[in-house]
Amino acid sequence: NWFDNLGVKFAMNDVSPLYFFLGVEVKYFDGDIHLRQSKYDAELVDKTEMTFTKNDSRSLQYLTLTRSDITRSVNLTSQFMQKSNNGHLQGVRRILRYIKGTLHVGLRLISQSPCWLYGYSDSDYGGYTTTRRSTTGYNIYQEMTWITYLLHDLGMFLRFIPTLYCDNMSALYMIINPVMQARTKHVEMEYHFICEKVARGQLVTKFIRSKDQLADIHTIALTKQVFAEFRRKIGVTVPPLTSLRGSDEGS
């Protein structure tokens, strides 16, 4: 298996199941794994209850490993840590209050989920009110290619072609339109990259309604109800009630 193959090239031992690593707690449940940083969360909240420093901003960045629901807010506030004002610090306090109320939330990985690779692409055009710059949800095109190569190296092969969902019909039409318009020159490199992937049958692009665009959780402000729904859909949830470790885990 893949672990034995790694053991051929590297000195490593399979000691026991992983339960804690670099601040990340690992809990095993029937059919899935839950990763969370509740201890790290609580320590960070207690530490910054009275004061907040630039180093604490980096601590929030580390928390996004298992809490992608706060990625947008953390990245936004981190831009102002060099010259922050009371408004920026107030935004950080709101993030900390949210973390304090969701200490047990983490990333859920389901072992029996289909081996499909799909991504969501979106941007908030001119949504940053200070400079009117745009926010891109994720450079998902190259990332999906990298993930595909990584899975191949691990001996895992996708049954279906990776799918990219987008809620912009104009962008989707550009992919199947061989004519490069002059006004789209600024996206020429990514345009050709995606067109090549689609032409080779290595990527499928599909339309998705804006209300179902999961990338919005990383690009724009959402209502509380929509945010909670998108958070659940990207796998950021509370753990199931019962752990496979039994009573030694505590409540």
Protein backbone atom coordinates (compact mmCIF):
# COMPACT_ATOMS: atom_id res chain seq x y z
CA ASN A 1 0.00 0.00 0.00
CA TRP A 2 0.99 3.66 -0.14
CA PHE A 3 2.37 3.66 3.43
CA ASP A 4 4.64 0.68 2.71
CA ASN A 5 5.87 2.39 -0.44
CA LEU A 6 6.78 5.50 1.56
CA GLY A 7 8.60 3.29 4.07
CA VAL A 8 10.90 2.06 1.31
CA LYS A 9 12.30 5.54 0.72
CA PHE A 10 11.92 7.13 4.16
CA ALA A 11 12.69 5.99 7.71
CA MET A 12 9.23 5.86 9.25
CA ASN A 13 7.12 3.70 11.55
CA ASP A 14 3.38 3.28 11.85
CA VAL A 15 3.24 3.67 15.65
CA SER A 16 -0.46 4.23 16.33
CA PRO A 17 -3.48 6.17 15.08
CA LEU A 18 -2.97 9.93 15.10
CA TYR A 19 -4.93 11.85 17.72
CA PHE A 20 -3.07 15.15 18.11
CA PHE A 21 -0.52 16.89 15.92
CA LEU A 22 0.70 20.51 15.93
CA GLY A 23 -2.41 21.77 17.67
CA VAL A 24 -4.81 19.77 15.49
CA GLU A 25 -7.05 17.25 17.26
CA VAL A 26 -8.04 14.17 15.28
CA LYS A 27 -11.18 12.26 16.19
CA TYR A 28 -12.33 9.07 14.48
CA PHE A 29 -15.98 8.31 13.91
CA ASP A 30 -17.86 5.67 11.98
CA GLY A 31 -17.06 6.50 8.37
CA ASP A 32 -15.27 9.81 8.86
CA ILE A 33 -12.55 11.81 10.59
CA HIS A 34 -12.99 15.16 12.30
CA LEU A 35 -10.11 17.64 12.53
CA ARG A 36 -10.38 20.58 14.89
CA GLN A 37 -8.22 23.00 16.87
CA SER A 38 -10.50 23.62 19.86
CA LYS A 39 -7.63 23.68 22.38
CA TYR A 40 -5.72 26.07 20.12
CA ASP A 41 -8.92 28.11 19.68
CA ALA A 42 -9.52 28.44 23.41
CA GLU A 43 -5.90 29.41 24.16
CA LEU A 44 -5.95 32.02 21.40
CA VAL A 45 -9.21 33.54 22.63
CA ASP A 46 -7.97 33.67 26.24
CA LYS A 47 -4.66 35.18 25.19
CA THR A 48 -6.21 37.91 23.07
CA GLU A 49 -9.16 38.65 25.36
CA MET A 50 -7.57 41.92 26.48
CA THR A 51 -4.93 42.72 23.86
CA PHE A 52 -4.26 41.75 20.26
CA THR A 53 -0.90 41.88 18.48
CA LYS A 54 0.37 41.30 14.94
CA ASN A 55 1.66 37.87 15.98
CA ASP A 56 -1.88 36.95 17.00
CA SER A 57 -2.95 37.75 13.43
CA ARG A 58 -0.61 35.01 12.24
CA SER A 59 -2.15 32.71 14.83
CA LEU A 60 -5.53 33.30 13.23
CA GLN A 61 -4.05 32.38 9.86
CA TYR A 62 -2.91 29.02 11.28
CA LEU A 63 -6.43 28.41 12.54
CA THR A 64 -7.78 28.46 8.98
CA LEU A 65 -6.21 25.01 8.45
CA THR A 66 -9.38 23.48 9.87
CA ARG A 67 -11.60 26.58 9.85
CA SER A 68 -11.95 27.67 6.24
CA ASP A 69 -15.15 29.46 7.27
CA ILE A 70 -13.05 32.32 8.69
CA THR A 71 -10.57 32.52 5.78
CA ARG A 72 -12.14 35.59 4.20
CA SER A 73 -12.41 37.56 7.45
CA VAL A 74 -8.91 36.65 8.63
CA ASN A 75 -7.28 37.50 5.29
CA LEU A 76 -9.14 40.79 5.15
CA THR A 77 -8.10 41.94 8.63
CA SER A 78 -4.53 40.73 8.13
CA GLN A 79 -4.07 43.29 5.36
CA PHE A 80 -4.25 46.10 7.90
CA MET A 81 -2.08 44.77 10.72
CA GLN A 82 0.84 47.04 9.80
CA LYS A 83 -1.30 50.17 10.10
CA SER A 84 -4.41 49.10 11.93
CA ASN A 85 -7.04 51.41 13.44
CA ASN A 86 -9.85 50.85 15.91
CA GLY A 87 -12.17 49.68 13.14
CA HIS A 88 -9.75 46.94 12.07
CA LEU A 89 -9.22 45.79 15.65
CA GLN A 90 -12.96 45.73 16.17
CA GLY A 91 -13.20 43.40 13.19
CA VAL A 92 -10.62 41.09 14.79
CA ARG A 93 -12.61 41.07 18.04
CA ARG A 94 -15.69 40.00 16.12
CA ILE A 95 -13.73 37.08 14.64
CA LEU A 96 -12.57 36.08 18.12
CA ARG A 97 -16.13 36.22 19.46
CA TYR A 98 -17.25 33.99 16.61
CA ILE A 99 -14.42 31.52 17.35
CA LYS A 100 -15.29 31.53 21.06
CA GLY A 101 -18.86 30.54 20.22
CA THR A 102 -17.80 27.77 17.80
CA LEU A 103 -14.88 26.11 19.59
CA HIS A 104 -15.93 22.59 18.62
CA VAL A 105 -16.31 23.31 14.92
CA GLY A 106 -13.75 21.68 12.64
CA LEU A 107 -13.16 20.00 9.30
CA ARG A 108 -15.01 16.76 8.61
CA LEU A 109 -13.47 14.23 6.22
CA ILE A 110 -15.77 11.42 5.04
CA SER A 111 -13.96 8.21 4.12
CA GLN A 112 -16.78 6.73 2.05
CA SER A 113 -17.44 9.81 -0.08
CA PRO A 114 -17.11 9.37 -3.88
CA CYS A 115 -13.64 9.99 -5.29
CA TRP A 116 -14.66 13.05 -7.28
CA LEU A 117 -12.71 16.26 -7.74
CA TYR A 118 -14.68 19.45 -8.24
CA GLY A 119 -14.14 23.11 -7.49
CA TYR A 120 -15.97 26.41 -7.38
CA SER A 121 -14.64 29.57 -8.99
CA ASP A 122 -15.91 33.06 -8.27
CA SER A 123 -14.75 36.61 -7.67
CA ASP A 124 -16.13 39.71 -5.99
CA TYR A 125 -15.59 42.27 -8.74
CA GLY A 126 -14.63 45.62 -7.23
CA GLY A 127 -16.11 44.55 -3.92
CA TYR A 128 -13.38 46.02 -1.74
CA THR A 129 -14.88 49.41 -0.93
CA THR A 130 -11.60 51.11 0.06
CA THR A 131 -9.71 50.59 -3.20
CA ARG A 132 -12.39 48.93 -5.39
CA ARG A 133 -10.11 45.97 -5.95
CA SER A 134 -11.59 42.58 -6.72
CA THR A 135 -11.38 39.47 -4.58
CA THR A 136 -10.83 36.06 -6.17
CA GLY A 137 -12.23 33.05 -4.33
CA TYR A 138 -9.38 30.76 -5.29
CA ASN A 139 -6.96 30.13 -8.13
CA ILE A 140 -8.67 26.79 -8.49
CA TYR A 141 -7.59 25.94 -12.04
CA GLN A 142 -3.93 25.22 -11.33
CA GLU A 143 -4.79 23.85 -7.89
CA MET A 144 -7.09 21.17 -9.31
CA THR A 145 -4.33 20.10 -11.68
CA TRP A 146 -1.88 19.84 -8.78
CA ILE A 147 -4.34 17.79 -6.71
CA THR A 148 -4.86 15.42 -9.65
CA TYR A 149 -1.11 14.82 -9.96
CA LEU A 150 -0.82 14.33 -6.19
CA LEU A 151 -3.59 11.72 -6.17
CA HIS A 152 -1.88 9.88 -9.03
CA ASP A 153 1.38 9.82 -7.09
CA LEU A 154 -0.52 8.26 -4.16
CA GLY A 155 -1.99 5.62 -6.43
CA MET A 156 -5.49 7.12 -6.49
CA PHE A 157 -7.16 7.66 -9.85
CA LEU A 158 -10.31 9.69 -10.39
CA ARG A 159 -13.26 7.88 -11.94
CA PHE A 160 -14.64 11.09 -13.41
CA ILE A 161 -13.12 14.17 -15.04
CA PRO A 162 -12.58 17.06 -12.57
CA THR A 163 -15.42 19.58 -12.71
CA LEU A 164 -15.23 23.33 -12.25
CA TYR A 165 -18.42 25.18 -11.30
CA CYS A 166 -18.85 28.86 -12.16
CA ASP A 167 -21.85 31.20 -11.92
CA ASN A 168 -20.63 33.51 -14.70
CA MET A 169 -22.13 32.54 -18.08
CA SER A 170 -19.85 34.94 -19.96
CA ALA A 171 -16.77 33.24 -18.54
CA LEU A 172 -18.13 29.82 -19.51
CA TYR A 173 -18.91 30.99 -23.07
CA MET A 174 -15.35 32.29 -23.41
CA ILE A 175 -14.01 28.79 -22.76
CA ILE A 176 -15.85 27.27 -25.72
CA ASN A 177 -15.38 30.33 -27.94
CA PRO A 178 -12.10 30.09 -29.92
CA VAL A 179 -12.04 33.84 -30.59
CA MET A 180 -10.06 35.83 -28.01
CA GLN A 181 -11.69 39.21 -27.58
CA ALA A 182 -9.40 42.22 -27.09
CA ARG A 183 -11.14 43.28 -23.90
CA THR A 184 -10.33 39.91 -22.27
CA LYS A 185 -6.59 40.28 -22.79
CA HIS A 186 -5.92 40.61 -19.05
CA VAL A 187 -7.16 37.04 -18.48
CA GLU A 188 -5.40 35.56 -21.52
CA MET A 189 -3.05 33.20 -19.62
CA GLU A 190 -5.70 31.61 -17.43
CA TYR A 191 -8.10 31.58 -20.38
CA HIS A 192 -5.72 29.49 -22.54
CA PHE A 193 -4.85 27.22 -19.60
CA ILE A 194 -8.50 26.33 -19.00
CA CYS A 195 -9.29 26.01 -22.71
CA GLU A 196 -6.45 23.52 -23.11
CA LYS A 197 -7.68 21.47 -20.17
CA VAL A 198 -11.23 21.42 -21.53
CA ALA A 199 -10.09 20.60 -25.09
CA ARG A 200 -7.97 17.69 -23.83
CA GLY A 201 -10.86 16.31 -21.81
CA GLN A 202 -9.02 16.95 -18.53
CA LEU A 203 -11.55 19.44 -17.15
CA VAL A 204 -15.30 19.98 -17.37
CA THR A 205 -16.86 23.39 -16.73
CA LYS A 206 -20.45 23.72 -15.59
CA PHE A 207 -22.80 26.53 -14.67
CA ILE A 208 -24.04 26.86 -11.11
CA ARG A 209 -26.62 29.29 -9.76
CA SER A 210 -25.23 32.17 -7.72
CA LYS A 211 -27.23 31.10 -4.68
CA ASP A 212 -25.40 27.74 -4.75
CA GLN A 213 -21.91 29.18 -5.37
CA LEU A 214 -19.88 27.87 -2.42
CA ALA A 215 -16.91 30.08 -3.31
CA ASP A 216 -18.95 33.04 -2.05
CA ILE A 217 -18.04 32.11 1.52
CA HIS A 218 -14.46 33.15 0.65
CA THR A 219 -15.25 36.26 -1.39
CA ILE A 220 -18.28 38.18 -0.11
CA ALA A 221 -20.25 38.84 3.06
CA LEU A 222 -23.21 36.48 3.49
CA THR A 223 -26.33 36.44 5.59
CA LYS A 224 -26.18 34.33 8.74
CA GLN A 225 -28.43 31.64 7.28
CA VAL A 226 -26.55 31.34 3.99
CA PHE A 227 -23.18 31.40 5.78
CA ALA A 228 -24.22 28.53 8.06
CA GLU A 229 -25.45 26.48 5.10
CA PHE A 230 -22.30 27.06 3.04
CA ARG A 231 -20.13 26.30 6.07
CA ARG A 232 -21.82 22.93 6.40
CA LYS A 233 -21.44 22.19 2.69
CA ILE A 234 -17.68 22.83 2.68
CA GLY A 235 -17.31 20.32 5.52
CA VAL A 236 -16.81 22.69 8.47
CA THR A 237 -19.09 21.18 11.13
CA VAL A 238 -19.31 20.08 14.74
CA PRO A 239 -18.18 16.47 15.35
CA PRO A 240 -20.68 13.62 15.69
CA LEU A 241 -21.79 12.81 19.24
CA THR A 242 -19.90 9.51 19.60
CA SER A 243 -16.20 8.92 19.04
CA LEU A 244 -14.71 5.53 18.18
CA ARG A 245 -12.20 5.97 21.00
CA GLY A 246 -14.98 5.48 23.52
CA SER A 247 -15.26 6.99 26.97
CA ASP A 248 -11.57 7.90 27.31
CA GLU A 249 -12.19 10.97 25.15
CA GLY A 250 -14.51 12.54 27.66
CA SER A 251 -17.46 14.73 26.77
